């Protein structure tokens, strides 16, 4: 998937977001982080303190003042809209090498089974943003703007654990071999009969592969979070208006912290009645570790005090591997696992995660 050339970009029609739902929904009450404080004296430490509860108990939080204006975001939505309007054979010419564990490129409709015999009505395309990646590229201006925000969101996580920023930043350097990418996702509207067959699901409860995931302005209500991943916790809706980014902790951060940083459990469901007839176009950024980040639980002063380093089953100690190997192994597993296998997941280097959290 290549971003349009300058001439093509000038011909992109403006993107207009659909209106938000008017239905009364139970929205999750999440911590909001102002990234405008990040570079101020003591700002990183203040944000880390603010994040502690969010990343330990919930795994989701909101970010404001993140350095991208609405026009930049809407331009990416326009690119996604135009890509999904291309004929299927053209889109397939950009197919991602999924069998190699790499998402960057086009993922055709129905690539994953959500329930037995029922494939996901979702298409997605990813553009890598690391200079060490191969394949279609973002323009230099867009790549630069999408590097700063993920770096800022990740940088505070080691500070929560009383560790230097380098514990995470050195494993996500721009010039390294890494699969981070901007992703466009299109969920097709379905009939009432199809929704019933799919149990009103587009994506079952799960945690994300990688380090963190960022979701940009999304007026169509479909994303739900289960706080703490606890089965007794209700599913609550996520609202992402203009000027806000939703961020969730993903599995790599959770493993490196022995589970203290909680990977956010979430799912995608059928939108409310007044939005149900619409396709849902989404814009996300998936932060993935590079081959420079070892999959090894961090030796953190905070985790030692809390006893996490002594807990069994928290991973590590069984042959260290690059975190990049983990993320690609989990993607490969997506194309071979059964949707009925409750124990489906990935185990490597003493770490393991579940596939689904229904």
Protein backbone atom coordinates (compact mmCIF):
# COMPACT_ATOMS: atom_id res chain seq x y z
CA UNK A 1 0.00 0.00 0.00
CA UNK A 2 1.56 3.24 -1.09
CA UNK A 3 0.44 6.68 -0.07
CA UNK A 4 -0.73 8.83 -3.04
CA UNK A 5 1.81 10.95 -4.86
CA UNK A 6 1.71 14.72 -4.43
CA UNK A 7 -0.44 15.08 -7.58
CA UNK A 8 -2.87 12.39 -6.43
CA UNK A 9 -3.04 13.91 -2.95
CA UNK A 10 -4.07 17.25 -4.39
CA UNK A 11 -6.99 15.48 -6.09
CA UNK A 12 -8.25 13.77 -2.92
CA UNK A 13 -11.79 14.80 -2.08
CA UNK A 14 -12.22 16.10 1.48
CA UNK A 15 -13.21 13.53 4.07
CA UNK A 16 -16.28 14.26 6.19
CA UNK A 17 -16.88 12.23 9.31
CA UNK A 18 -20.39 10.88 9.90
CA UNK A 19 -22.33 12.27 12.89
CA UNK A 20 -21.98 10.64 16.29
CA UNK A 21 -24.75 8.43 17.59
CA UNK A 22 -27.62 10.06 19.46
CA UNK A 23 -28.23 6.95 21.55
CA UNK A 24 -27.35 6.99 25.24
CA UNK A 25 -24.43 4.61 25.72
CA UNK A 26 -22.40 3.55 28.74
CA UNK A 27 -19.05 5.14 27.90
CA UNK A 28 -15.90 4.15 29.78
CA UNK A 29 -14.54 6.79 32.12
CA UNK A 30 -10.86 6.83 31.13
CA UNK A 31 -7.86 8.90 32.21
CA UNK A 32 -6.98 11.73 29.78
CA UNK A 33 -3.32 12.57 29.24
CA UNK A 34 -2.29 16.00 27.90
CA UNK A 35 0.81 15.41 25.79
CA UNK A 36 1.37 19.16 25.66
CA UNK A 37 2.97 18.66 29.10
CA UNK A 38 5.44 16.04 27.83
CA UNK A 39 8.43 18.31 27.10
CA UNK A 40 7.89 20.72 29.99
CA UNK A 41 10.15 20.47 33.05
CA UNK A 42 8.96 17.51 35.09
CA UNK A 43 6.24 16.84 32.51
CA UNK A 44 7.18 13.24 31.78
CA UNK A 45 7.16 12.38 35.46
CA UNK A 46 3.76 14.03 35.98
CA UNK A 47 2.30 12.13 33.04
CA UNK A 48 3.77 8.87 34.34
CA UNK A 49 2.12 9.44 37.73
CA UNK A 50 -1.18 10.19 35.99
CA UNK A 51 -0.87 7.09 33.84
CA UNK A 52 -0.15 4.65 36.65
CA UNK A 53 -3.76 3.81 37.50
CA UNK A 54 -4.85 3.75 33.85
CA UNK A 55 -2.17 1.37 32.62
CA UNK A 56 -2.32 -0.92 35.66
CA UNK A 57 -6.07 -1.23 36.15
CA UNK A 58 -7.61 -0.59 32.72
CA UNK A 59 -5.09 -0.68 29.87
CA UNK A 60 -6.82 2.18 28.00
CA UNK A 61 -6.47 5.96 28.22
CA UNK A 62 -7.11 9.08 26.13
CA UNK A 63 -4.52 11.51 24.77
CA UNK A 64 -5.00 15.19 23.80
CA UNK A 65 -2.62 17.80 22.34
CA UNK A 66 -0.82 15.11 20.37
CA UNK A 67 0.63 17.25 17.57
CA UNK A 68 -1.59 16.30 14.61
CA UNK A 69 -4.31 18.68 13.41
CA UNK A 70 -7.73 17.58 12.06
CA UNK A 71 -6.69 18.23 8.46
CA UNK A 72 -3.76 15.82 8.75
CA UNK A 73 -5.97 13.14 10.26
CA UNK A 74 -8.78 13.66 7.76
CA UNK A 75 -6.30 13.42 4.88
CA UNK A 76 -5.41 9.91 6.08
CA UNK A 77 -9.10 9.03 6.26
CA UNK A 78 -9.47 10.26 2.67
CA UNK A 79 -6.57 8.02 1.60
CA UNK A 80 -8.19 5.04 3.30
CA UNK A 81 -11.56 5.78 1.67
CA UNK A 82 -9.95 5.94 -1.79
CA UNK A 83 -7.97 2.76 -1.25
CA UNK A 84 -11.01 0.70 -0.26
CA UNK A 85 -12.86 2.07 -3.30
CA UNK A 86 -10.29 0.44 -5.62
CA UNK A 87 -11.20 -2.82 -7.39
CA UNK A 88 -10.41 -5.90 -5.32
CA UNK A 89 -7.79 -7.15 -7.77
CA UNK A 90 -5.91 -3.85 -7.42
CA UNK A 91 -6.08 -3.99 -3.62
CA UNK A 92 -4.83 -7.57 -3.67
CA UNK A 93 -1.73 -6.47 -5.55
CA UNK A 94 -0.70 -4.91 -2.22
CA UNK A 95 -1.50 -8.03 -0.16
CA UNK A 96 0.45 -8.27 3.11
CA UNK A 97 2.77 -11.27 3.60
CA UNK A 98 0.55 -12.59 6.39
CA UNK A 99 2.09 -16.06 6.32
CA UNK A 100 5.39 -14.42 7.35
CA UNK A 101 3.72 -12.68 10.30
CA UNK A 102 3.70 -9.22 8.72
CA UNK A 103 0.56 -7.05 8.57
CA UNK A 104 1.97 -4.22 6.45
CA UNK A 105 0.01 -4.28 3.21
CA UNK A 106 -3.55 -5.25 2.33
CA UNK A 107 -5.53 -7.81 4.34
CA UNK A 108 -8.46 -8.99 2.21
CA UNK A 109 -12.04 -9.28 3.31
CA UNK A 110 -12.68 -12.39 5.38
CA UNK A 111 -9.05 -13.12 6.27
CA UNK A 112 -9.92 -14.19 9.84
CA UNK A 113 -12.73 -16.36 11.19
CA UNK A 114 -14.61 -14.60 14.01
CA UNK A 115 -16.86 -17.55 14.77
CA UNK A 116 -16.94 -21.04 13.20
CA UNK A 117 -17.68 -20.68 9.50
CA UNK A 118 -18.05 -16.92 9.71
CA UNK A 119 -15.23 -14.75 8.40
CA UNK A 120 -14.71 -11.18 9.55
CA UNK A 121 -16.36 -8.55 7.33
CA UNK A 122 -13.30 -6.35 7.58
CA UNK A 123 -10.65 -5.13 5.19
CA UNK A 124 -7.51 -3.41 6.33
CA UNK A 125 -4.36 -1.95 4.89
CA UNK A 126 -1.19 -0.96 6.71
CA UNK A 127 1.70 1.29 5.72
CA UNK A 128 5.02 0.76 7.58
CA UNK A 129 6.55 3.82 9.19
CA UNK A 130 9.97 2.49 10.15
CA UNK A 131 12.85 3.31 7.84
CA UNK A 132 14.07 -0.25 8.39
CA UNK A 133 10.86 -1.76 6.99
CA UNK A 134 10.46 -2.88 3.43
CA UNK A 135 7.48 -2.40 1.14
CA UNK A 136 5.28 0.61 0.28
CA UNK A 137 6.16 3.82 2.07
CA UNK A 138 4.48 6.78 3.69
CA UNK A 139 5.51 10.20 2.45
CA UNK A 140 8.30 11.81 4.48
CA UNK A 141 5.98 14.42 6.02
CA UNK A 142 3.42 11.87 7.17
CA UNK A 143 6.06 9.46 8.47
CA UNK A 144 7.60 12.24 10.57
CA UNK A 145 4.27 13.26 12.10
CA UNK A 146 3.35 9.66 12.95
CA UNK A 147 6.66 9.01 14.71
CA UNK A 148 6.37 11.63 17.44
CA UNK A 149 2.98 10.68 18.89
CA UNK A 150 3.65 6.94 19.39
CA UNK A 151 7.07 7.70 20.88
CA UNK A 152 5.53 10.06 23.43
CA UNK A 153 2.82 7.55 24.37
CA UNK A 154 5.37 4.77 24.90
CA UNK A 155 8.03 6.84 26.67
CA UNK A 156 6.08 7.20 29.91
CA UNK A 157 5.58 3.46 30.43
CA UNK A 158 9.13 2.78 31.74
CA UNK A 159 8.83 5.85 33.99
CA UNK A 160 5.75 4.29 35.60
CA UNK A 161 8.01 1.37 36.52
CA UNK A 162 10.82 3.69 37.71
CA UNK A 163 13.04 2.84 34.74
CA UNK A 164 14.82 5.04 32.16
CA UNK A 165 12.99 5.85 28.91
CA UNK A 166 15.65 3.93 26.99
CA UNK A 167 14.13 0.66 28.16
CA UNK A 168 11.42 1.18 25.55
CA UNK A 169 12.80 3.81 23.16
CA UNK A 170 15.90 1.81 22.17
CA UNK A 171 13.63 -1.03 21.04
CA UNK A 172 11.51 1.24 18.84
CA UNK A 173 14.07 3.30 16.95
CA UNK A 174 12.92 4.65 13.58
CA UNK A 175 15.88 3.20 11.70
CA UNK A 176 15.47 -0.31 13.13
CA UNK A 177 13.73 -3.37 11.70
CA UNK A 178 10.22 -2.97 13.01
CA UNK A 179 6.63 -3.52 11.83
CA UNK A 180 4.98 -0.39 13.27
CA UNK A 181 2.45 0.99 10.84
CA UNK A 182 -0.48 3.25 10.14
CA UNK A 183 -3.54 1.12 9.42
CA UNK A 184 -6.82 1.79 7.67
CA UNK A 185 -9.63 -0.61 8.64
CA UNK A 186 -13.01 -0.85 6.95
CA UNK A 187 -15.84 -2.78 8.62
CA UNK A 188 -18.67 -3.38 6.17
CA UNK A 189 -22.25 -2.83 7.30
CA UNK A 190 -24.22 -6.11 7.55
CA UNK A 191 -27.82 -7.20 7.36
CA UNK A 192 -29.81 -7.86 10.55
CA UNK A 193 -29.66 -11.57 9.77
CA UNK A 194 -25.87 -11.49 9.42
CA UNK A 195 -25.49 -9.54 12.65
CA UNK A 196 -27.51 -12.18 14.47
CA UNK A 197 -25.32 -14.96 13.04
CA UNK A 198 -22.21 -13.06 14.12
CA UNK A 199 -23.70 -12.45 17.60
CA UNK A 200 -23.40 -8.69 16.87
CA UNK A 201 -19.59 -9.02 16.81
CA UNK A 202 -17.07 -7.74 14.31
CA UNK A 203 -14.11 -8.71 16.49
CA UNK A 204 -14.18 -10.92 19.58
CA UNK A 205 -12.72 -9.78 22.90
CA UNK A 206 -8.93 -9.72 22.58
CA UNK A 207 -5.74 -7.88 23.46
CA UNK A 208 -3.51 -6.30 20.83
CA UNK A 209 -0.25 -7.64 19.56
CA UNK A 210 2.67 -5.23 19.84
CA UNK A 211 3.45 -2.38 22.24
CA UNK A 212 0.56 0.10 22.07
CA UNK A 213 -2.32 0.88 19.69
CA UNK A 214 -3.63 4.36 18.85
CA UNK A 215 -7.14 4.98 17.49
CA UNK A 216 -7.82 8.38 15.91
CA UNK A 217 -11.12 10.28 15.75
CA UNK A 218 -13.93 7.75 15.36
CA UNK A 219 -17.55 8.97 15.49
CA UNK A 220 -19.06 5.53 14.77
CA UNK A 221 -19.54 3.80 18.14
CA UNK A 222 -18.30 0.21 17.85
CA UNK A 223 -15.25 -0.20 20.13
CA UNK A 224 -15.88 -1.55 23.64
CA UNK A 225 -13.46 -2.13 26.51
CA UNK A 226 -13.66 -4.47 29.50
CA UNK A 227 -11.81 -2.74 32.33
CA UNK A 228 -9.08 -4.88 33.84
CA UNK A 229 -10.04 -7.75 31.54
CA UNK A 230 -12.23 -9.13 34.32
CA UNK A 231 -15.15 -11.28 33.17
CA UNK A 232 -17.40 -9.67 35.78
CA UNK A 233 -16.69 -6.20 34.37
CA UNK A 234 -19.27 -4.90 31.87
CA UNK A 235 -18.34 -4.00 28.31
CA UNK A 236 -18.22 -0.20 28.04
CA UNK A 237 -18.11 1.96 24.91
CA UNK A 238 -15.12 4.06 23.84
CA UNK A 239 -15.81 7.55 22.49
CA UNK A 240 -13.07 9.17 20.37
CA UNK A 241 -14.14 12.69 19.29
CA UNK A 242 -12.08 15.20 17.31
CA UNK A 243 -8.88 16.18 19.11
CA UNK A 244 -8.65 12.92 21.06
CA UNK A 245 -6.71 9.70 20.50
CA UNK A 246 -7.56 6.47 22.31
CA UNK A 247 -4.46 4.53 23.39
CA UNK A 248 -4.34 0.99 24.70
CA UNK A 249 -1.52 -1.02 26.21
CA UNK A 250 -0.69 -4.10 24.12
CA UNK A 251 0.85 -7.46 24.93
CA UNK A 252 4.55 -6.61 24.65
CA UNK A 253 4.34 -3.93 27.37
CA UNK A 254 2.31 -6.27 29.52
CA UNK A 255 4.86 -9.07 29.19
CA UNK A 256 7.88 -6.83 29.78
CA UNK A 257 6.26 -5.56 32.99
CA UNK A 258 5.26 -8.99 34.27
CA UNK A 259 1.60 -8.09 33.79
CA UNK A 260 1.73 -4.86 35.81
CA UNK A 261 1.03 -2.80 32.68
CA UNK A 262 -2.29 -4.32 31.70
CA UNK A 263 -2.99 -5.16 28.09
CA UNK A 264 -6.39 -3.61 27.30
CA UNK A 265 -9.14 -6.14 26.56
CA UNK A 266 -11.50 -4.86 23.86
CA UNK A 267 -13.83 -5.89 21.05
CA UNK A 268 -15.62 -4.39 18.05
CA UNK A 269 -19.40 -4.72 17.91
CA UNK A 270 -22.33 -3.67 15.74
CA UNK A 271 -22.88 0.11 16.08
CA UNK A 272 -26.03 1.62 17.59
CA UNK A 273 -29.21 1.59 15.49
CA UNK A 274 -28.75 5.10 14.08
CA UNK A 275 -25.26 4.17 12.73
CA UNK A 276 -25.84 0.53 11.84
CA UNK A 277 -26.29 1.04 8.09
CA UNK A 278 -22.88 2.73 7.71
CA UNK A 279 -19.56 1.16 6.85
CA UNK A 280 -17.05 1.99 9.57
CA UNK A 281 -13.73 3.37 8.35
CA UNK A 282 -11.07 3.47 11.06
CA UNK A 283 -7.60 5.02 11.30
CA UNK A 284 -5.16 3.41 13.73
CA UNK A 285 -1.45 3.33 14.48
CA UNK A 286 -0.01 0.03 15.71
CA UNK A 287 3.28 0.41 17.59
CA UNK A 288 5.37 -2.73 17.21
CA UNK A 289 8.77 -3.54 18.78
CA UNK A 290 11.89 -3.86 16.67
CA UNK A 291 14.41 -6.69 16.62
CA UNK A 292 16.48 -4.59 19.06
CA UNK A 293 14.03 -5.11 21.94
CA UNK A 294 14.70 -8.37 23.80
CA UNK A 295 11.65 -10.23 25.08
CA UNK A 296 12.79 -10.20 28.68
CA UNK A 297 10.89 -9.06 31.75
CA UNK A 298 12.18 -5.73 33.00
CA UNK A 299 14.03 -5.63 36.32
CA UNK A 300 12.06 -2.75 37.79
CA UNK A 301 12.41 -1.29 41.30
CA UNK A 302 8.62 -0.91 41.46
CA UNK A 303 7.97 -4.49 40.35
CA UNK A 304 10.48 -5.81 42.88
CA UNK A 305 8.77 -3.93 45.71
CA UNK A 306 5.36 -5.23 44.62
CA UNK A 307 6.59 -8.81 44.30
CA UNK A 308 6.01 -9.13 40.56
CA UNK A 309 9.54 -10.37 39.93
CA UNK A 310 8.98 -13.37 42.17
CA UNK A 311 5.61 -14.38 40.72
CA UNK A 312 5.45 -17.59 38.72
CA UNK A 313 4.06 -17.60 35.21
CA UNK A 314 5.11 -14.05 34.44
CA UNK A 315 7.50 -15.11 31.69
CA UNK A 316 11.19 -14.89 30.96
CA UNK A 317 14.12 -17.16 31.55
CA UNK A 318 13.48 -19.67 28.76
CA UNK A 319 15.71 -18.46 25.98
CA UNK A 320 15.58 -14.79 25.16
CA UNK A 321 14.24 -13.81 21.70
CA UNK A 322 13.70 -10.45 19.98
CA UNK A 323 10.21 -9.11 20.65
CA UNK A 324 9.76 -8.80 16.87
CA UNK A 325 9.77 -12.60 16.66
CA UNK A 326 6.91 -12.73 19.15
CA UNK A 327 4.70 -10.28 17.29
CA UNK A 328 5.21 -12.03 13.98
CA UNK A 329 4.55 -15.45 15.55
CA UNK A 330 1.22 -14.23 16.88
CA UNK A 331 0.20 -12.91 13.45
CA UNK A 332 1.11 -16.24 11.85
CA UNK A 333 -0.99 -17.95 14.49
CA UNK A 334 -4.03 -15.90 13.43
CA UNK A 335 -4.09 -17.68 10.07
CA UNK A 336 -3.83 -21.20 11.48
CA UNK A 337 -5.78 -21.24 14.74
CA UNK A 338 -9.39 -22.40 15.13
CA UNK A 339 -12.06 -19.92 16.32
CA UNK A 340 -13.46 -22.70 18.55
CA UNK A 341 -10.15 -23.35 20.37
CA UNK A 342 -10.51 -21.65 23.75
CA UNK A 343 -6.84 -22.25 24.49
CA UNK A 344 -5.55 -20.79 21.22
CA UNK A 345 -2.72 -18.36 21.76
CA UNK A 346 1.03 -17.93 21.49
CA UNK A 347 3.78 -19.16 23.83
CA UNK A 348 7.41 -18.19 23.41
CA UNK A 349 10.42 -17.54 25.65
CA UNK A 350 8.33 -18.25 28.75
CA UNK A 351 5.57 -15.79 27.82
CA UNK A 352 2.05 -16.68 26.70
CA UNK A 353 -1.16 -14.85 25.85
CA UNK A 354 -4.73 -15.92 25.16
CA UNK A 355 -6.28 -15.44 21.74
CA UNK A 356 -9.77 -14.43 22.92
CA UNK A 357 -11.36 -12.88 26.01
CA UNK A 358 -15.11 -13.41 25.49
